[in-house]
């Protein structure tokens, strides 16, 4: 049952330029409140980023929607997400794609996201605790790649795992400044870049974080 809060949430996304009916339906189906804990549950349907474990955040819903819309996911797509976080973005992608692989460097977050996604019965998502900057070569190539952390330049390791005809969406820029959200289309002749808007994300870090309590 879709709550009044969720319906208002979708209306707000429309006002931010989200027009793709499949993206709006996926956002409506995905209960953001199950991906946040404690006092922040009451703010789950606000268009604002919220804190989660390991010093990370769950992204602002309008930014999640913009990135998802730019990715142009089809039902046949195999998608790689770098930066699972709470699992919210992966859950939305699961309603749009054939298969979603999502990589998280914080093991406690990967465990929590796996549990929530399992509870939602989203069986086409695989959560992996690993170094996301390396991508997931054993499952490459991917039709779509979404990166939810900012790199100074699009990582060559990820571009190499994108199919010709595929799309990557990621924030690019210094970690302490406003970054640009960009869309990359890989063609047989090279890469086509387009700039979407200004965003602020945590930096893309190499390695796996120390496995401490969340």
N, C-alpha and C. Protein backbone atom coordinates (compact mmCIF):
# COMPACT_ATOMS: atom_id res chain seq x y z
N UNK A 1 0.85 -1.19 0.00
CA UNK A 1 0.00 0.00 0.00
C UNK A 1 0.89 1.25 0.00
N UNK A 2 0.68 2.13 -0.98
CA UNK A 2 1.48 3.35 -1.09
C UNK A 2 0.89 4.40 -0.14
N UNK A 3 1.73 4.95 0.71
CA UNK A 3 1.26 5.92 1.70
C UNK A 3 1.11 7.30 1.07
N UNK A 4 0.39 8.15 1.77
CA UNK A 4 0.24 9.54 1.33
C UNK A 4 1.61 10.22 1.23
N UNK A 5 2.48 9.92 2.19
CA UNK A 5 3.82 10.52 2.18
C UNK A 5 4.59 10.12 0.92
N UNK A 6 4.46 8.84 0.52
CA UNK A 6 5.14 8.39 -0.69
C UNK A 6 4.58 9.04 -1.94
N UNK A 7 3.27 9.25 -1.99
CA UNK A 7 2.67 9.90 -3.16
C UNK A 7 3.15 11.35 -3.27
N UNK A 8 3.19 12.05 -2.13
CA UNK A 8 3.69 13.42 -2.13
C UNK A 8 5.16 13.46 -2.55
N UNK A 9 5.87 12.44 -2.14
CA UNK A 9 7.29 12.28 -2.48
C UNK A 9 7.46 12.23 -4.00
N UNK A 10 6.63 11.45 -4.67
CA UNK A 10 6.71 11.32 -6.13
C UNK A 10 6.32 12.62 -6.81
N UNK A 11 5.30 13.30 -6.31
CA UNK A 11 4.94 14.60 -6.87
C UNK A 11 6.12 15.57 -6.79
N UNK A 12 6.85 15.52 -5.67
CA UNK A 12 8.02 16.39 -5.50
C UNK A 12 9.11 16.06 -6.52
N UNK A 13 9.27 14.77 -6.83
CA UNK A 13 10.27 14.39 -7.83
C UNK A 13 9.92 14.94 -9.20
N UNK A 14 8.65 14.92 -9.53
CA UNK A 14 8.21 15.50 -10.81
C UNK A 14 8.60 16.97 -10.90
N UNK A 15 8.49 17.67 -9.78
CA UNK A 15 8.81 19.10 -9.78
C UNK A 15 10.30 19.35 -9.97
N UNK A 16 11.12 18.31 -9.77
CA UNK A 16 12.56 18.42 -10.00
C UNK A 16 12.96 17.89 -11.38
N UNK A 17 11.99 17.75 -12.28
CA UNK A 17 12.30 17.39 -13.65
C UNK A 17 12.38 15.91 -13.94
N UNK A 18 11.88 15.09 -13.04
CA UNK A 18 11.88 13.64 -13.28
C UNK A 18 10.60 13.29 -14.06
N UNK A 19 10.78 12.87 -15.28
CA UNK A 19 9.64 12.61 -16.17
C UNK A 19 9.52 11.15 -16.60
N UNK A 20 10.58 10.36 -16.41
CA UNK A 20 10.56 8.96 -16.83
C UNK A 20 9.59 8.17 -15.94
N UNK A 21 8.55 7.64 -16.56
CA UNK A 21 7.49 6.96 -15.81
C UNK A 21 8.02 5.73 -15.06
N UNK A 22 8.97 5.01 -15.66
CA UNK A 22 9.52 3.82 -15.00
C UNK A 22 10.33 4.21 -13.77
N UNK A 23 11.08 5.30 -13.88
CA UNK A 23 11.86 5.76 -12.72
C UNK A 23 10.93 6.21 -11.60
N UNK A 24 9.91 6.97 -11.94
CA UNK A 24 8.95 7.43 -10.93
C UNK A 24 8.26 6.24 -10.25
N UNK A 25 7.90 5.23 -11.04
CA UNK A 25 7.24 4.05 -10.47
C UNK A 25 8.18 3.30 -9.54
N UNK A 26 9.46 3.19 -9.93
CA UNK A 26 10.45 2.50 -9.09
C UNK A 26 10.66 3.26 -7.78
N UNK A 27 10.70 4.59 -7.85
CA UNK A 27 10.87 5.40 -6.64
C UNK A 27 9.65 5.26 -5.74
N UNK A 28 8.48 5.19 -6.34
CA UNK A 28 7.24 5.07 -5.56
C UNK A 28 7.18 3.71 -4.85
N UNK A 29 7.68 2.68 -5.52
CA UNK A 29 7.63 1.32 -4.96
C UNK A 29 8.65 1.09 -3.85
N UNK A 30 9.66 1.95 -3.78
CA UNK A 30 10.80 1.70 -2.88
C UNK A 30 10.65 2.52 -1.60
N UNK A 31 10.36 1.89 -0.48
CA UNK A 31 10.12 2.61 0.78
C UNK A 31 11.43 3.11 1.39
N UNK A 32 11.72 4.39 1.22
CA UNK A 32 13.00 4.94 1.68
C UNK A 32 13.17 4.80 3.20
N UNK A 33 12.07 4.75 3.92
CA UNK A 33 12.18 4.70 5.38
C UNK A 33 12.85 3.43 5.89
N UNK A 34 12.81 2.34 5.13
CA UNK A 34 13.45 1.11 5.62
C UNK A 34 14.96 1.15 5.47
N UNK A 35 15.47 2.16 4.75
CA UNK A 35 16.91 2.28 4.54
C UNK A 35 17.57 3.25 5.51
N UNK A 36 16.78 3.87 6.39
CA UNK A 36 17.33 4.75 7.41
C UNK A 36 16.89 4.26 8.78
N UNK A 37 17.59 4.70 9.81
CA UNK A 37 17.32 4.17 11.15
C UNK A 37 17.03 5.30 12.14
N UNK A 38 16.41 4.91 13.25
CA UNK A 38 16.22 5.82 14.37
C UNK A 38 15.36 7.02 14.04
N UNK A 39 15.80 8.18 14.54
CA UNK A 39 15.03 9.41 14.39
C UNK A 39 14.85 9.82 12.93
N UNK A 40 15.75 9.37 12.07
CA UNK A 40 15.71 9.81 10.68
C UNK A 40 14.60 9.14 9.87
N UNK A 41 14.00 8.08 10.40
CA UNK A 41 12.89 7.43 9.68
C UNK A 41 11.75 8.41 9.41
N UNK A 42 11.51 9.31 10.36
CA UNK A 42 10.42 10.26 10.20
C UNK A 42 10.69 11.28 9.09
N UNK A 43 11.95 11.36 8.65
CA UNK A 43 12.31 12.32 7.60
C UNK A 43 12.58 11.63 6.27
N UNK A 44 12.25 10.35 6.19
CA UNK A 44 12.63 9.55 5.02
C UNK A 44 12.05 10.07 3.72
N UNK A 45 10.87 10.68 3.77
CA UNK A 45 10.25 11.13 2.53
C UNK A 45 10.46 12.62 2.27
N UNK A 46 11.41 13.20 2.98
CA UNK A 46 11.84 14.56 2.66
C UNK A 46 12.92 14.50 1.58
N UNK A 47 12.99 15.54 0.77
CA UNK A 47 13.98 15.57 -0.30
C UNK A 47 15.31 16.11 0.24
N UNK A 48 15.94 15.28 1.08
CA UNK A 48 17.18 15.70 1.72
C UNK A 48 18.05 14.47 1.96
N UNK A 49 19.39 14.62 1.90
CA UNK A 49 20.26 13.50 2.29
C UNK A 49 20.15 13.27 3.79
N UNK A 50 20.35 12.03 4.22
CA UNK A 50 20.26 11.69 5.64
C UNK A 50 21.45 10.83 6.04
N UNK A 51 21.89 10.92 7.31
CA UNK A 51 23.03 10.11 7.76
C UNK A 51 22.66 8.63 7.85
N UNK A 52 23.63 7.79 7.52
CA UNK A 52 23.51 6.35 7.76
C UNK A 52 24.79 5.92 8.48
N UNK A 53 24.97 4.65 8.66
CA UNK A 53 26.14 4.14 9.40
C UNK A 53 27.45 4.43 8.66
N UNK A 54 28.55 4.25 9.38
CA UNK A 54 29.91 4.37 8.82
C UNK A 54 30.23 5.77 8.31
N UNK A 55 29.53 6.77 8.84
CA UNK A 55 29.78 8.15 8.45
C UNK A 55 29.35 8.49 7.04
N UNK A 56 28.47 7.67 6.47
CA UNK A 56 28.01 7.88 5.09
C UNK A 56 26.61 8.50 5.10
N UNK A 57 26.07 8.75 3.92
CA UNK A 57 24.72 9.32 3.81
C UNK A 57 23.91 8.55 2.78
N UNK A 58 22.60 8.63 2.93
CA UNK A 58 21.67 8.20 1.88
C UNK A 58 21.36 9.46 1.07
N UNK A 59 21.54 9.39 -0.23
CA UNK A 59 21.47 10.58 -1.07
C UNK A 59 20.08 11.20 -1.12
N UNK A 60 20.08 12.48 -1.46
CA UNK A 60 18.84 13.22 -1.67
C UNK A 60 18.01 12.53 -2.76
N UNK A 61 16.73 12.25 -2.52
CA UNK A 61 15.93 11.51 -3.50
C UNK A 61 15.91 12.12 -4.89
N UNK A 62 15.87 13.44 -5.00
CA UNK A 62 15.83 14.05 -6.33
C UNK A 62 17.13 13.78 -7.09
N UNK A 63 18.26 13.69 -6.38
CA UNK A 63 19.53 13.37 -7.02
C UNK A 63 19.56 11.90 -7.43
N UNK A 64 19.07 11.02 -6.56
CA UNK A 64 18.96 9.60 -6.91
C UNK A 64 18.12 9.45 -8.18
N UNK A 65 17.01 10.15 -8.23
CA UNK A 65 16.12 10.06 -9.40
C UNK A 65 16.78 10.61 -10.66
N UNK A 66 17.49 11.73 -10.53
CA UNK A 66 18.17 12.32 -11.69
C UNK A 66 19.24 11.38 -12.23
N UNK A 67 20.01 10.78 -11.33
CA UNK A 67 21.04 9.84 -11.76
C UNK A 67 20.44 8.61 -12.42
N UNK A 68 19.35 8.12 -11.83
CA UNK A 68 18.68 6.93 -12.38
C UNK A 68 18.09 7.23 -13.74
N UNK A 69 17.46 8.38 -13.89
CA UNK A 69 16.86 8.76 -15.17
C UNK A 69 17.94 8.89 -16.25
N UNK A 70 19.08 9.51 -15.89
CA UNK A 70 20.17 9.69 -16.85
C UNK A 70 20.77 8.36 -17.29
N UNK A 71 20.68 7.35 -16.43
CA UNK A 71 21.27 6.05 -16.73
C UNK A 71 20.51 5.28 -17.81
N UNK A 72 19.24 5.63 -18.00
CA UNK A 72 18.41 5.03 -19.07
C UNK A 72 18.41 3.49 -18.99
N UNK A 73 18.09 2.99 -17.83
CA UNK A 73 18.11 1.53 -17.61
C UNK A 73 16.92 0.88 -18.32
N UNK A 74 17.18 -0.21 -19.01
CA UNK A 74 16.12 -0.99 -19.65
C UNK A 74 15.99 -2.34 -18.92
N UNK A 75 14.89 -3.06 -19.16
CA UNK A 75 14.70 -4.33 -18.46
C UNK A 75 15.73 -5.41 -18.79
N UNK A 76 16.51 -5.22 -19.85
CA UNK A 76 17.53 -6.21 -20.22
C UNK A 76 18.91 -5.88 -19.64
N UNK A 77 19.03 -4.74 -18.97
CA UNK A 77 20.35 -4.25 -18.53
C UNK A 77 20.92 -5.02 -17.35
N UNK A 78 22.23 -5.22 -17.42
CA UNK A 78 23.02 -5.64 -16.26
C UNK A 78 23.75 -4.40 -15.76
N UNK A 79 23.50 -4.04 -14.50
CA UNK A 79 23.97 -2.76 -13.96
C UNK A 79 24.99 -3.00 -12.85
N UNK A 80 26.03 -2.17 -12.85
CA UNK A 80 27.00 -2.15 -11.76
C UNK A 80 26.85 -0.82 -11.01
N UNK A 81 26.68 -0.90 -9.70
CA UNK A 81 26.67 0.29 -8.86
C UNK A 81 27.91 0.27 -7.97
N UNK A 82 28.60 1.39 -7.91
CA UNK A 82 29.76 1.52 -7.02
C UNK A 82 29.35 2.43 -5.87
N UNK A 83 29.34 1.87 -4.65
CA UNK A 83 28.92 2.63 -3.47
C UNK A 83 27.50 2.28 -3.07
N UNK A 84 27.32 1.11 -2.47
CA UNK A 84 25.99 0.62 -2.11
C UNK A 84 25.33 1.51 -1.07
N UNK A 85 26.11 1.94 -0.07
CA UNK A 85 25.54 2.73 1.02
C UNK A 85 24.44 1.96 1.72
N UNK A 86 23.28 2.57 1.83
CA UNK A 86 22.14 1.93 2.49
C UNK A 86 21.49 0.84 1.65
N UNK A 87 21.74 0.86 0.34
CA UNK A 87 21.08 -0.06 -0.58
C UNK A 87 19.88 0.55 -1.29
N UNK A 88 19.58 1.82 -0.98
CA UNK A 88 18.39 2.47 -1.54
C UNK A 88 18.47 2.59 -3.07
N UNK A 89 19.60 3.08 -3.58
CA UNK A 89 19.75 3.21 -5.03
C UNK A 89 19.68 1.85 -5.72
N UNK A 90 20.31 0.85 -5.12
CA UNK A 90 20.28 -0.50 -5.71
C UNK A 90 18.85 -1.04 -5.77
N UNK A 91 18.07 -0.74 -4.73
CA UNK A 91 16.68 -1.20 -4.72
C UNK A 91 15.88 -0.58 -5.86
N UNK A 92 16.11 0.69 -6.12
CA UNK A 92 15.42 1.36 -7.23
C UNK A 92 15.86 0.75 -8.56
N UNK A 93 17.16 0.55 -8.71
CA UNK A 93 17.66 -0.07 -9.94
C UNK A 93 17.11 -1.46 -10.15
N UNK A 94 16.85 -2.18 -9.06
CA UNK A 94 16.36 -3.56 -9.17
C UNK A 94 15.01 -3.63 -9.87
N UNK A 95 14.21 -2.56 -9.76
CA UNK A 95 12.89 -2.53 -10.41
C UNK A 95 12.99 -2.20 -11.91
N UNK A 96 14.18 -1.78 -12.33
CA UNK A 96 14.36 -1.31 -13.71
C UNK A 96 15.21 -2.24 -14.55
N UNK A 97 16.12 -2.98 -13.90
CA UNK A 97 17.13 -3.75 -14.62
C UNK A 97 16.89 -5.25 -14.48
N UNK A 98 17.59 -6.00 -15.32
CA UNK A 98 17.56 -7.47 -15.21
C UNK A 98 18.37 -7.93 -14.01
N UNK A 99 19.54 -7.31 -13.81
CA UNK A 99 20.46 -7.73 -12.75
C UNK A 99 21.24 -6.53 -12.25
N UNK A 100 21.42 -6.44 -10.94
CA UNK A 100 22.19 -5.34 -10.34
C UNK A 100 23.28 -5.93 -9.45
N UNK A 101 24.51 -5.50 -9.70
CA UNK A 101 25.63 -5.80 -8.81
C UNK A 101 26.04 -4.50 -8.15
N UNK A 102 26.18 -4.50 -6.84
CA UNK A 102 26.53 -3.27 -6.13
C UNK A 102 27.68 -3.55 -5.17
N UNK A 103 28.69 -2.68 -5.20
CA UNK A 103 29.92 -2.90 -4.45
C UNK A 103 30.07 -1.81 -3.39
N UNK A 104 30.36 -2.23 -2.16
CA UNK A 104 30.49 -1.31 -1.03
C UNK A 104 31.78 -1.60 -0.26
N UNK A 105 32.56 -0.54 0.02
CA UNK A 105 33.85 -0.74 0.71
C UNK A 105 33.69 -0.87 2.22
N UNK A 106 32.55 -0.47 2.77
CA UNK A 106 32.29 -0.61 4.20
C UNK A 106 31.50 -1.91 4.43
N UNK A 107 32.14 -2.89 5.05
CA UNK A 107 31.48 -4.18 5.22
C UNK A 107 30.18 -4.09 6.04
N UNK A 108 30.14 -3.29 7.14
CA UNK A 108 28.88 -3.19 7.89
C UNK A 108 27.72 -2.67 7.02
N UNK A 109 28.02 -1.71 6.14
CA UNK A 109 26.97 -1.20 5.24
C UNK A 109 26.54 -2.28 4.26
N UNK A 110 27.49 -3.02 3.73
CA UNK A 110 27.16 -4.10 2.80
C UNK A 110 26.25 -5.12 3.47
N UNK A 111 26.56 -5.46 4.72
CA UNK A 111 25.72 -6.43 5.44
C UNK A 111 24.31 -5.88 5.67
N UNK A 112 24.22 -4.63 6.10
CA UNK A 112 22.90 -4.04 6.36
C UNK A 112 22.09 -3.91 5.08
N UNK A 113 22.74 -3.47 4.01
CA UNK A 113 22.03 -3.34 2.73
C UNK A 113 21.53 -4.69 2.24
N UNK A 114 22.37 -5.72 2.37
CA UNK A 114 21.96 -7.07 1.95
C UNK A 114 20.71 -7.52 2.70
N UNK A 115 20.69 -7.24 4.00
CA UNK A 115 19.55 -7.65 4.82
C UNK A 115 18.27 -6.93 4.39
N UNK A 116 18.37 -5.63 4.18
CA UNK A 116 17.17 -4.86 3.80
C UNK A 116 16.68 -5.30 2.42
N UNK A 117 17.59 -5.47 1.49
CA UNK A 117 17.20 -5.89 0.14
C UNK A 117 16.57 -7.28 0.15
N UNK A 118 17.10 -8.15 0.99
CA UNK A 118 16.52 -9.49 1.14
C UNK A 118 15.11 -9.40 1.73
N UNK A 119 14.95 -8.55 2.75
CA UNK A 119 13.63 -8.38 3.37
C UNK A 119 12.61 -7.83 2.38
N UNK A 120 13.08 -7.05 1.41
CA UNK A 120 12.19 -6.50 0.38
C UNK A 120 11.99 -7.49 -0.77
N UNK A 121 12.62 -8.66 -0.68
CA UNK A 121 12.50 -9.71 -1.68
C UNK A 121 12.99 -9.26 -3.06
N UNK A 122 14.09 -8.52 -3.06
CA UNK A 122 14.69 -8.04 -4.31
C UNK A 122 15.83 -8.99 -4.68
N UNK A 123 15.46 -10.09 -5.29
CA UNK A 123 16.41 -11.17 -5.53
C UNK A 123 17.36 -10.96 -6.69
N UNK A 124 17.19 -9.88 -7.46
CA UNK A 124 18.08 -9.65 -8.60
C UNK A 124 19.22 -8.69 -8.26
N UNK A 125 19.45 -8.43 -6.95
CA UNK A 125 20.55 -7.57 -6.51
C UNK A 125 21.57 -8.41 -5.76
N UNK A 126 22.85 -8.25 -6.12
CA UNK A 126 23.95 -8.88 -5.41
C UNK A 126 24.82 -7.80 -4.79
N UNK A 127 24.98 -7.84 -3.46
CA UNK A 127 25.81 -6.87 -2.74
C UNK A 127 27.17 -7.51 -2.46
N UNK A 128 28.22 -6.78 -2.78
CA UNK A 128 29.58 -7.30 -2.61
C UNK A 128 30.39 -6.29 -1.79
N UNK A 129 31.04 -6.75 -0.73
CA UNK A 129 31.94 -5.91 0.06
C UNK A 129 33.33 -6.00 -0.56
N UNK A 130 33.75 -4.91 -1.21
CA UNK A 130 35.04 -4.94 -1.90
C UNK A 130 35.44 -3.51 -2.27
N UNK A 131 36.56 -3.40 -2.97
CA UNK A 131 37.08 -2.11 -3.43
C UNK A 131 36.34 -1.72 -4.71
N UNK A 132 35.39 -0.80 -4.58
CA UNK A 132 34.57 -0.41 -5.73
C UNK A 132 35.34 0.31 -6.82
N UNK A 133 36.48 0.91 -6.48
CA UNK A 133 37.25 1.62 -7.50
C UNK A 133 37.76 0.69 -8.59
N UNK A 134 37.80 -0.62 -8.27
CA UNK A 134 38.26 -1.61 -9.25
C UNK A 134 37.11 -2.16 -10.09
N UNK A 135 35.88 -1.80 -9.73
CA UNK A 135 34.74 -2.36 -10.43
C UNK A 135 34.50 -3.81 -10.05
N UNK A 136 34.03 -4.59 -11.02
CA UNK A 136 33.74 -6.00 -10.78
C UNK A 136 34.08 -6.77 -12.06
N UNK A 137 35.40 -6.90 -12.35
CA UNK A 137 35.82 -7.45 -13.64
C UNK A 137 35.26 -8.83 -13.95
N UNK A 138 35.03 -9.63 -12.89
CA UNK A 138 34.56 -11.00 -13.14
C UNK A 138 33.14 -11.04 -13.69
N UNK A 139 32.38 -9.94 -13.55
CA UNK A 139 31.02 -9.88 -14.08
C UNK A 139 30.91 -8.96 -15.30
N UNK A 140 31.99 -8.31 -15.67
CA UNK A 140 31.99 -7.39 -16.81
C UNK A 140 31.82 -8.15 -18.13
N UNK A 141 31.33 -7.48 -19.17
CA UNK A 141 31.00 -6.05 -19.23
C UNK A 141 29.58 -5.76 -18.74
N UNK A 142 29.36 -4.50 -18.42
CA UNK A 142 28.07 -4.04 -17.92
C UNK A 142 27.40 -3.11 -18.93
N UNK A 143 26.07 -3.16 -18.95
CA UNK A 143 25.30 -2.25 -19.81
C UNK A 143 25.26 -0.84 -19.23
N UNK A 144 25.25 -0.78 -17.90
CA UNK A 144 25.17 0.51 -17.21
C UNK A 144 26.05 0.47 -15.97
N UNK A 145 26.70 1.59 -15.66
CA UNK A 145 27.48 1.72 -14.43
C UNK A 145 27.11 3.03 -13.75
N UNK A 146 26.80 2.94 -12.48
CA UNK A 146 26.45 4.12 -11.68
C UNK A 146 27.43 4.22 -10.52
N UNK A 147 28.03 5.38 -10.35
CA UNK A 147 29.00 5.59 -9.28
C UNK A 147 28.45 6.65 -8.33
N UNK A 148 28.35 6.30 -7.05
CA UNK A 148 27.76 7.23 -6.08
C UNK A 148 28.82 7.83 -5.15
N UNK A 149 30.03 7.99 -5.70
CA UNK A 149 31.11 8.68 -5.01
C UNK A 149 31.92 9.41 -6.07
N UNK A 150 32.53 10.54 -5.68
CA UNK A 150 33.16 11.41 -6.67
C UNK A 150 34.61 11.05 -6.93
N UNK A 151 34.96 10.95 -8.21
CA UNK A 151 36.34 10.76 -8.63
C UNK A 151 36.83 12.04 -9.31
N UNK A 152 38.14 12.25 -9.30
CA UNK A 152 38.67 13.42 -10.00
C UNK A 152 38.48 13.27 -11.50
N UNK A 153 38.56 12.06 -11.97
CA UNK A 153 38.31 11.73 -13.38
C UNK A 153 37.58 10.40 -13.43
N UNK A 154 36.80 10.15 -14.47
CA UNK A 154 36.15 8.84 -14.58
C UNK A 154 37.18 7.72 -14.54
N UNK A 155 37.06 6.77 -13.61
CA UNK A 155 38.08 5.72 -13.48
C UNK A 155 38.18 4.85 -14.74
N UNK A 156 39.41 4.70 -15.24
CA UNK A 156 39.61 3.90 -16.46
C UNK A 156 39.23 2.45 -16.23
N UNK A 157 39.39 1.96 -14.98
CA UNK A 157 39.04 0.57 -14.68
C UNK A 157 37.54 0.33 -14.87
N UNK A 158 36.73 1.34 -14.55
CA UNK A 158 35.28 1.21 -14.72
C UNK A 158 34.88 1.39 -16.18
N UNK A 159 35.48 2.35 -16.85
CA UNK A 159 35.17 2.56 -18.26
C UNK A 159 35.48 1.31 -19.08
N UNK A 160 36.54 0.59 -18.69
CA UNK A 160 36.92 -0.64 -19.40
C UNK A 160 35.87 -1.72 -19.24
N UNK A 161 35.07 -1.65 -18.17
CA UNK A 161 34.05 -2.67 -17.89
C UNK A 161 32.68 -2.30 -18.45
N UNK A 162 32.60 -1.16 -19.14
CA UNK A 162 31.34 -0.71 -19.75
C UNK A 162 31.26 -1.19 -21.19
N UNK A 163 30.13 -1.76 -21.55
CA UNK A 163 29.93 -2.23 -22.93
C UNK A 163 29.90 -1.06 -23.90
N UNK A 164 30.26 -1.33 -25.14
CA UNK A 164 30.01 -0.35 -26.20
C UNK A 164 28.50 -0.16 -26.31
N UNK A 165 28.07 1.07 -26.32
CA UNK A 165 26.63 1.37 -26.27
C UNK A 165 26.13 1.59 -24.85
N UNK A 166 27.01 1.32 -23.87
CA UNK A 166 26.63 1.46 -22.47
C UNK A 166 26.73 2.89 -21.97
N UNK A 167 26.18 3.11 -20.78
CA UNK A 167 26.13 4.44 -20.16
C UNK A 167 26.68 4.35 -18.74
N UNK A 168 27.52 5.34 -18.39
CA UNK A 168 27.98 5.50 -17.02
C UNK A 168 27.56 6.88 -16.53
N UNK A 169 27.08 6.95 -15.29
CA UNK A 169 26.74 8.23 -14.66
C UNK A 169 27.52 8.31 -13.36
N UNK A 170 28.20 9.44 -13.14
CA UNK A 170 29.00 9.60 -11.92
C UNK A 170 29.29 11.06 -11.65
N UNK A 171 29.54 11.39 -10.37
CA UNK A 171 30.01 12.73 -10.03
C UNK A 171 31.53 12.81 -10.23
N UNK A 172 31.97 13.92 -10.77
CA UNK A 172 33.40 14.12 -11.03
C UNK A 172 33.82 15.45 -10.43
N UNK A 173 34.95 15.46 -9.72
CA UNK A 173 35.48 16.70 -9.16
C UNK A 173 36.21 16.45 -7.86
N UNK A 174 36.85 17.51 -7.34
CA UNK A 174 37.56 17.41 -6.08
C UNK A 174 36.57 17.14 -4.95
N UNK A 175 36.99 16.37 -3.95
CA UNK A 175 36.08 15.96 -2.88
C UNK A 175 35.63 17.12 -2.00
N UNK A 176 36.40 18.20 -1.95
CA UNK A 176 36.03 19.30 -1.06
C UNK A 176 35.36 20.46 -1.79
N UNK A 177 34.93 20.23 -3.01
CA UNK A 177 34.22 21.27 -3.77
C UNK A 177 32.95 20.68 -4.35
N UNK A 178 32.13 21.54 -4.92
CA UNK A 178 30.97 21.05 -5.66
C UNK A 178 31.45 20.28 -6.89
N UNK A 179 30.85 19.14 -7.09
CA UNK A 179 31.24 18.31 -8.23
C UNK A 179 30.20 18.43 -9.34
N UNK A 180 30.57 17.96 -10.51
CA UNK A 180 29.65 17.89 -11.63
C UNK A 180 29.20 16.46 -11.85
N UNK A 181 27.89 16.29 -12.01
CA UNK A 181 27.35 14.98 -12.36
C UNK A 181 27.44 14.85 -13.87
N UNK A 182 28.12 13.80 -14.33
CA UNK A 182 28.28 13.64 -15.76
C UNK A 182 27.74 12.30 -16.24
N UNK A 183 27.39 12.28 -17.51
CA UNK A 183 26.90 11.08 -18.18
C UNK A 183 27.88 10.77 -19.31
N UNK A 184 28.32 9.52 -19.36
CA UNK A 184 29.25 9.08 -20.39
C UNK A 184 28.59 7.97 -21.20
N UNK A 185 28.57 8.13 -22.51
CA UNK A 185 28.09 7.08 -23.41
C UNK A 185 29.30 6.53 -24.15
N UNK A 186 29.48 5.22 -24.07
CA UNK A 186 30.62 4.57 -24.74
C UNK A 186 30.19 4.13 -26.13
N UNK A 187 30.79 4.73 -27.15
CA UNK A 187 30.47 4.39 -28.53
C UNK A 187 31.66 3.64 -29.14
N UNK A 188 31.46 3.11 -30.32
CA UNK A 188 32.56 2.39 -30.98
C UNK A 188 33.69 3.35 -31.37
N UNK A 189 33.36 4.65 -31.42
CA UNK A 189 34.36 5.66 -31.78
C UNK A 189 34.99 6.36 -30.57
N UNK A 190 34.52 6.05 -29.37
CA UNK A 190 35.07 6.71 -28.19
C UNK A 190 34.01 7.01 -27.15
N UNK A 191 34.28 8.00 -26.31
CA UNK A 191 33.39 8.35 -25.20
C UNK A 191 32.73 9.70 -25.46
N UNK A 192 31.42 9.76 -25.22
CA UNK A 192 30.67 11.01 -25.34
C UNK A 192 30.26 11.46 -23.94
N UNK A 193 30.66 12.68 -23.58
CA UNK A 193 30.40 13.21 -22.25
C UNK A 193 29.32 14.28 -22.29
N UNK A 194 28.44 14.27 -21.29
CA UNK A 194 27.51 15.39 -21.11
C UNK A 194 27.42 15.70 -19.63
N UNK A 195 27.29 16.99 -19.32
CA UNK A 195 27.23 17.46 -17.94
C UNK A 195 25.77 17.63 -17.54
N UNK A 196 25.41 17.14 -16.36
CA UNK A 196 24.02 17.17 -15.94
C UNK A 196 23.76 18.31 -14.95
N UNK A 197 24.38 18.29 -13.80
CA UNK A 197 24.21 19.38 -12.83
C UNK A 197 25.26 19.27 -11.74
N UNK A 198 25.24 20.23 -10.83
CA UNK A 198 26.20 20.24 -9.72
C UNK A 198 25.67 19.40 -8.57
N UNK A 199 26.57 18.64 -7.95
CA UNK A 199 26.19 17.75 -6.84
C UNK A 199 27.31 17.77 -5.80
N UNK A 200 27.08 17.08 -4.68
CA UNK A 200 28.15 16.90 -3.69
C UNK A 200 28.07 15.46 -3.15
N UNK A 201 29.12 14.70 -3.41
CA UNK A 201 29.20 13.31 -2.95
C UNK A 201 30.49 13.10 -2.18
N UNK A 202 30.52 12.04 -1.39
CA UNK A 202 31.77 11.64 -0.73
C UNK A 202 32.76 11.20 -1.81
N UNK A 203 34.06 11.26 -1.52
CA UNK A 203 35.05 10.87 -2.53
C UNK A 203 35.08 9.36 -2.76
N UNK A 204 35.44 8.99 -3.97
CA UNK A 204 35.65 7.57 -4.29
C UNK A 204 37.02 7.17 -3.76
N UNK A 205 37.04 6.24 -2.81
CA UNK A 205 38.28 5.82 -2.16
C UNK A 205 38.65 4.41 -2.57
N UNK A 206 39.94 4.17 -2.65
CA UNK A 206 40.43 2.83 -2.96
C UNK A 206 40.46 1.98 -1.70
N UNK A 207 40.44 0.66 -1.91
CA UNK A 207 40.57 -0.26 -0.79
C UNK A 207 39.25 -0.55 -0.10
N UNK A 208 39.31 -1.45 0.86
CA UNK A 208 38.14 -1.82 1.67
C UNK A 208 38.35 -1.22 3.06
N UNK A 209 37.32 -0.58 3.59
CA UNK A 209 37.42 0.06 4.90
C UNK A 209 37.63 -0.98 5.99
N UNK A 210 38.29 -0.57 7.08
CA UNK A 210 38.48 -1.46 8.22
C UNK A 210 37.13 -1.93 8.74
N UNK A 211 37.03 -3.20 9.05
CA UNK A 211 35.75 -3.79 9.46
C UNK A 211 35.50 -3.55 10.95
N UNK A 212 35.04 -2.33 11.23
CA UNK A 212 34.71 -1.97 12.60
C UNK A 212 33.21 -1.87 12.74
N UNK A 213 32.72 -1.78 13.96
CA UNK A 213 31.28 -1.66 14.17
C UNK A 213 30.75 -0.41 13.52
N UNK A 214 29.55 -0.52 12.92
CA UNK A 214 28.93 0.63 12.27
C UNK A 214 28.59 1.70 13.28
